[in-house]
Protein backbone atom coordinates (compact mmCIF):
# COMPACT_ATOMS: atom_id res chain seq x y z
CA UNK A 1 17.70 8.99 16.90
CA UNK A 2 15.13 9.89 14.26
CA UNK A 3 12.18 7.54 13.93
CA UNK A 4 13.09 6.75 10.32
CA UNK A 5 15.69 7.60 7.72
CA UNK A 6 12.89 8.16 5.25
CA UNK A 7 12.11 11.81 4.56
CA UNK A 8 8.40 12.61 4.92
CA UNK A 9 6.57 14.84 2.44
CA UNK A 10 3.06 16.01 3.33
CA UNK A 11 0.11 16.51 0.99
CA UNK A 12 -3.26 18.24 1.51
CA UNK A 13 -6.15 16.00 2.54
CA UNK A 14 -8.37 15.78 -0.55
CA UNK A 15 -11.53 13.81 -1.33
CA UNK A 16 -11.63 12.75 -5.00
CA UNK A 17 -14.57 11.32 -6.90
CA UNK A 18 -13.27 9.01 -9.63
CA UNK A 19 -14.66 6.24 -11.79
CA UNK A 20 -13.68 2.66 -12.50
CA UNK A 21 -12.24 2.13 -15.98
CA UNK A 22 -10.89 -1.44 -15.72
CA UNK A 23 -11.15 -4.49 -13.51
CA UNK A 24 -8.67 -7.33 -14.01
CA UNK A 25 -7.41 -10.29 -12.00
CA UNK A 26 -3.65 -10.12 -11.43
CA UNK A 27 -3.67 -13.60 -9.91
CA UNK A 28 -6.27 -16.02 -8.55
CA UNK A 29 -6.25 -14.10 -5.28
CA UNK A 30 -5.68 -10.47 -6.33
CA UNK A 31 -7.93 -8.16 -8.34
CA UNK A 32 -6.78 -4.84 -9.78
CA UNK A 33 -9.24 -1.97 -10.06
CA UNK A 34 -8.11 0.96 -12.21
CA UNK A 35 -9.55 4.40 -11.48
CA UNK A 36 -9.47 7.63 -13.43
CA UNK A 37 -11.16 11.01 -13.38
CA UNK A 38 -10.70 14.76 -13.67
CA UNK A 39 -10.23 15.06 -9.91
CA UNK A 40 -6.83 13.37 -10.10
CA UNK A 41 -5.82 16.83 -11.33
CA UNK A 42 -6.40 20.14 -9.54
CA UNK A 43 -10.09 21.01 -9.25
CA UNK A 44 -12.23 23.73 -7.65
CA UNK A 45 -13.62 23.27 -4.13
CA UNK A 46 -15.39 25.55 -1.67
CA UNK A 47 -12.96 28.32 -0.80
CA UNK A 48 -10.20 27.45 -3.23
CA UNK A 49 -8.61 24.77 -5.40
CA UNK A 50 -7.79 21.20 -4.44
CA UNK A 51 -4.24 20.11 -5.25
CA UNK A 52 -3.57 17.36 -7.81
CA UNK A 53 -3.04 13.77 -6.69
CA UNK A 54 0.51 13.04 -5.50
CA UNK A 55 2.08 9.76 -4.44
CA UNK A 56 5.86 9.51 -4.16
CA UNK A 57 6.36 6.73 -1.60
CA UNK A 58 6.19 3.07 -2.58
CA UNK A 59 4.07 2.30 0.50
CA UNK A 60 1.75 5.33 0.41
CA UNK A 61 -1.89 4.67 1.12
CA UNK A 62 -5.21 6.11 0.07
CA UNK A 63 -8.48 5.62 1.89
CA UNK A 64 -11.11 4.03 -0.32
CA UNK A 65 -14.59 5.10 0.81
CA UNK A 66 -16.67 2.00 0.28
CA UNK A 67 -20.40 2.05 -0.51
CA UNK A 68 -22.27 -0.65 1.39
CA UNK A 69 -23.72 -3.40 -0.78
CA UNK A 70 -27.05 -2.25 -2.17
CA UNK A 71 -26.19 1.46 -1.92
CA UNK A 72 -24.90 3.84 -4.59
CA UNK A 73 -22.55 5.95 -2.51
CA UNK A 74 -21.12 6.23 0.99
CA UNK A 75 -21.71 9.25 3.25
CA UNK A 76 -18.98 11.65 2.11
CA UNK A 77 -17.00 14.23 4.07
CA UNK A 78 -17.24 17.91 3.12
CA UNK A 79 -14.19 19.15 1.21
CA UNK A 80 -12.43 22.42 1.90
CA UNK A 81 -9.24 23.68 0.18
CA UNK A 82 -6.92 21.52 2.33
CA UNK A 83 -8.98 19.62 4.89
CA UNK A 84 -12.10 17.49 5.28
CA UNK A 85 -15.03 17.67 7.66
CA UNK A 86 -16.17 14.14 8.46
CA UNK A 87 -19.58 13.01 9.57
CA UNK A 88 -21.65 15.81 8.07
CA UNK A 89 -23.52 13.67 5.52
CA UNK A 90 -25.23 10.99 7.52
CA UNK A 91 -22.27 9.53 9.39
CA UNK A 92 -18.72 8.45 8.64
CA UNK A 93 -18.14 6.18 5.65
CA UNK A 94 -16.43 2.80 5.73
CA UNK A 95 -12.84 3.73 4.78
CA UNK A 96 -10.14 1.16 3.99
CA UNK A 97 -6.44 1.83 3.31
CA UNK A 98 -4.86 0.67 0.05
CA UNK A 99 -1.47 1.25 -1.55
CA UNK A 100 -1.48 3.05 -4.92
CA UNK A 101 0.00 0.19 -6.95
CA UNK A 102 0.59 2.45 -9.94
CA UNK A 103 -0.20 6.05 -10.83
CA UNK A 104 0.57 7.07 -14.39
CA UNK A 105 -1.10 8.55 -17.47
CA UNK A 106 -4.11 9.75 -15.51
CA UNK A 107 -4.87 6.29 -14.05
CA UNK A 108 -4.59 4.90 -10.54
CA UNK A 109 -4.34 1.14 -9.87
CA UNK A 110 -5.45 -0.39 -6.57
CA UNK A 111 -4.90 -4.11 -5.87
CA UNK A 112 -7.29 -6.05 -3.61
CA UNK A 113 -6.69 -9.42 -1.97
CA UNK A 114 -9.93 -11.31 -2.57
CA UNK A 115 -10.38 -12.78 0.90
CA UNK A 116 -13.80 -13.81 2.14
CA UNK A 117 -15.68 -11.05 3.90
CA UNK A 118 -14.51 -7.47 4.15
CA UNK A 119 -16.19 -4.40 2.74
CA UNK A 120 -13.45 -3.43 0.28
CA UNK A 121 -12.89 -6.96 -1.05
CA UNK A 122 -16.63 -7.25 -1.59
CA UNK A 123 -16.65 -3.96 -3.47
CA UNK A 124 -13.73 -5.12 -5.65
CA UNK A 125 -15.64 -8.32 -6.51
CA UNK A 126 -18.76 -6.51 -7.69
CA UNK A 127 -17.53 -3.19 -9.13
CA UNK A 128 -17.59 -2.69 -12.90
CA UNK A 129 -16.24 -0.11 -15.36
CA UNK A 130 -18.26 3.07 -15.11
CA UNK A 131 -18.92 2.76 -11.37
CA UNK A 132 -17.99 5.74 -9.19
CA UNK A 133 -15.27 5.48 -6.55
CA UNK A 134 -14.11 7.86 -3.84
CA UNK A 135 -10.63 8.12 -2.33
CA UNK A 136 -8.90 10.34 0.22
CA UNK A 137 -5.13 10.82 0.28
CA UNK A 138 -2.31 10.12 0.33
CA UNK A 139 -1.74 12.70 3.05
CA UNK A 140 2.01 12.08 3.07
CA UNK A 141 4.74 10.12 1.32
CA UNK A 142 7.83 8.57 2.88
CA UNK A 143 10.74 8.69 0.45
CA UNK A 144 13.44 6.03 0.13
CA UNK A 145 15.93 5.89 3.01
CA UNK A 146 19.43 7.32 2.73
CA UNK A 147 22.74 5.87 3.85
CA UNK A 148 21.89 2.18 3.38
CA UNK A 149 23.33 -0.45 1.04
CA UNK A 150 20.70 -3.18 1.39
CA UNK A 151 16.96 -3.62 1.73
CA UNK A 152 15.12 -6.42 3.46
CA UNK A 153 11.41 -6.47 2.64
CA UNK A 154 8.86 -8.99 3.82
CA UNK A 155 5.19 -9.57 4.33
CA UNK A 156 2.06 -11.39 3.31
CA UNK A 157 -0.14 -10.77 0.28
CA UNK A 158 -1.34 -7.44 1.63
CA UNK A 159 2.24 -6.14 1.42
CA UNK A 160 2.63 -7.20 -2.20
CA UNK A 161 1.32 -3.97 -3.84
CA UNK A 162 3.93 -1.87 -2.01
CA UNK A 163 6.77 -4.30 -2.70
CA UNK A 164 5.80 -4.63 -6.37
CA UNK A 165 5.59 -0.87 -6.76
CA UNK A 166 9.05 -0.44 -5.24
CA UNK A 167 10.48 -2.92 -7.73
CA UNK A 168 8.71 -1.23 -10.64
CA UNK A 169 10.29 2.09 -9.61
CA UNK A 170 13.67 0.65 -8.59
CA UNK A 171 16.54 2.98 -9.51
CA UNK A 172 19.14 2.26 -6.85
CA UNK A 173 22.30 0.20 -6.86
CA UNK A 174 21.40 -1.39 -3.51
CA UNK A 175 20.87 -5.08 -3.02
CA UNK A 176 17.61 -6.46 -1.64
CA UNK A 177 16.30 -9.64 -0.06
CA UNK A 178 12.53 -9.96 -0.38
CA UNK A 179 10.19 -12.52 1.18
CA UNK A 180 6.51 -12.65 0.19
CA UNK A 181 3.94 -15.04 1.61
CA UNK A 182 0.98 -16.03 -0.57
CA UNK A 183 -1.62 -18.67 0.21
CA UNK A 184 -0.57 -20.94 -2.69
CA UNK A 185 1.48 -20.82 -5.92
CA UNK A 186 -1.63 -19.39 -7.59
CA UNK A 187 -0.95 -16.11 -5.74
CA UNK A 188 2.51 -15.58 -7.22
CA UNK A 189 2.78 -12.50 -9.44
CA UNK A 190 5.26 -11.52 -12.14
CA UNK A 191 7.75 -9.07 -10.65
CA UNK A 192 10.75 -7.38 -12.26
CA UNK A 193 14.01 -9.36 -12.26
CA UNK A 194 16.66 -6.95 -10.98
CA UNK A 195 20.37 -7.31 -10.43
CA UNK A 196 21.16 -7.81 -6.76
CA UNK A 197 17.50 -8.41 -5.83
CA UNK A 198 16.47 -11.84 -4.54
CA UNK A 199 12.76 -12.71 -4.18
CA UNK A 200 11.53 -15.73 -2.24
CA UNK A 201 7.89 -16.79 -2.38
CA UNK A 202 6.60 -18.85 0.56
CA UNK A 203 3.23 -20.45 1.28
CA UNK A 204 1.24 -21.05 4.44
CA UNK A 205 0.17 -18.89 7.35
CA UNK A 206 3.12 -16.93 8.76
CA UNK A 207 5.66 -18.80 6.61
CA UNK A 208 7.35 -15.51 5.90
CA UNK A 209 8.38 -15.19 9.56
CA UNK A 210 10.68 -18.22 9.34
CA UNK A 211 11.92 -17.13 5.91
CA UNK A 212 13.00 -13.74 7.30
CA UNK A 213 14.81 -15.50 10.15
CA UNK A 214 16.70 -17.65 7.62
CA UNK A 215 18.02 -14.74 5.54
CA UNK A 216 21.80 -14.26 5.33
CA UNK A 217 22.90 -11.14 7.12
CA UNK A 218 25.95 -9.40 5.62
CA UNK A 219 27.59 -6.66 7.66
CA UNK A 220 26.29 -3.71 5.61
CA UNK A 221 23.86 -0.89 6.48
CA UNK A 222 20.42 -2.47 5.99
CA UNK A 223 16.93 -0.97 5.94
CA UNK A 224 14.08 -3.34 6.80
CA UNK A 225 10.46 -2.90 5.73
CA UNK A 226 7.83 -5.42 6.82
CA UNK A 227 4.04 -5.35 6.64
CA UNK A 228 1.11 -7.71 6.94
CA UNK A 229 -0.90 -9.31 9.75
CA UNK A 230 -0.21 -7.37 12.95
CA UNK A 231 0.84 -10.30 15.13
CA UNK A 232 3.27 -11.61 12.52
CA UNK A 233 4.72 -8.14 12.00
CA UNK A 234 5.37 -7.75 15.73
CA UNK A 235 7.23 -11.06 15.81
CA UNK A 236 9.38 -10.16 12.80
CA UNK A 237 10.07 -6.73 14.22
CA UNK A 238 11.33 -8.23 17.49
CA UNK A 239 13.61 -10.58 15.57
CA UNK A 240 15.09 -7.81 13.46
CA UNK A 241 15.58 -5.41 16.36
CA UNK A 242 16.73 -7.85 19.05
CA UNK A 243 18.52 -10.59 17.13
CA UNK A 244 19.77 -8.73 14.07
CA UNK A 245 20.41 -5.42 15.80
CA UNK A 246 18.62 -3.32 13.18
CA UNK A 247 18.52 0.27 14.51
CA UNK A 248 15.14 1.92 15.02
CA UNK A 249 15.55 4.39 12.16
CA UNK A 250 16.17 1.49 9.75
CA UNK A 251 13.15 -0.58 10.73
CA UNK A 252 9.71 0.17 9.29
CA UNK A 253 7.12 -2.36 10.51
CA UNK A 254 3.39 -1.88 9.88
CA UNK A 255 0.45 -4.09 10.76
CA UNK A 256 -2.05 -3.94 7.90
CA UNK A 257 -4.71 -6.23 9.35
CA UNK A 258 -5.63 -8.37 12.37
CA UNK A 259 -6.82 -11.94 12.65
């Protein structure tokens, strides 16, 4: 059995220097940083031309190379036409993975959960329009699965950018049950209201685990996507595989962070 029913499309590994154009709070716990720059398009590099930015999967990720507080820029890898050489400029940078929340009209949105601590959250708190920013990726996109009639999606606040992007780009006739855990009602975001799509917001650590367990389970081909804290994701994955009988190629479970 294939690992997933989602077709994978690969992209060259490209470092892009961009700039911040907007910073806005989406909720009390999430800040959106909008980036732009000529290097979202094709641009010359040593030995060739770097390909334009591509992101076709709702849960793609880019690596944000984060300058340490008090510094102007991180140590950057050396860019070739389709690969990077890391560590050649004073060490490897701090690199954190983020989902492209939106990419349109020459702008890229990244959403940050404003938790205490963390290099990227700290950068999102202090960055301002005009500041430089560096990203790498995506290096691949996973397209929507085939041969399914229903989605189940669940996770904590870190999964929200991917889930929200999927709903923004929703074109299918499938149904979906979605569970999103946020720390409090202040973390709830406006999401599209779509026919056949049910969204449940829950509050409290790991509340989404119980909410996934409580979902109705019609006898239709179902693809499950879950993401968030690694321990919670493992527990939900076991439930879906062992108790719901979700086949391996219809279960995409990713730990985004650890306690």
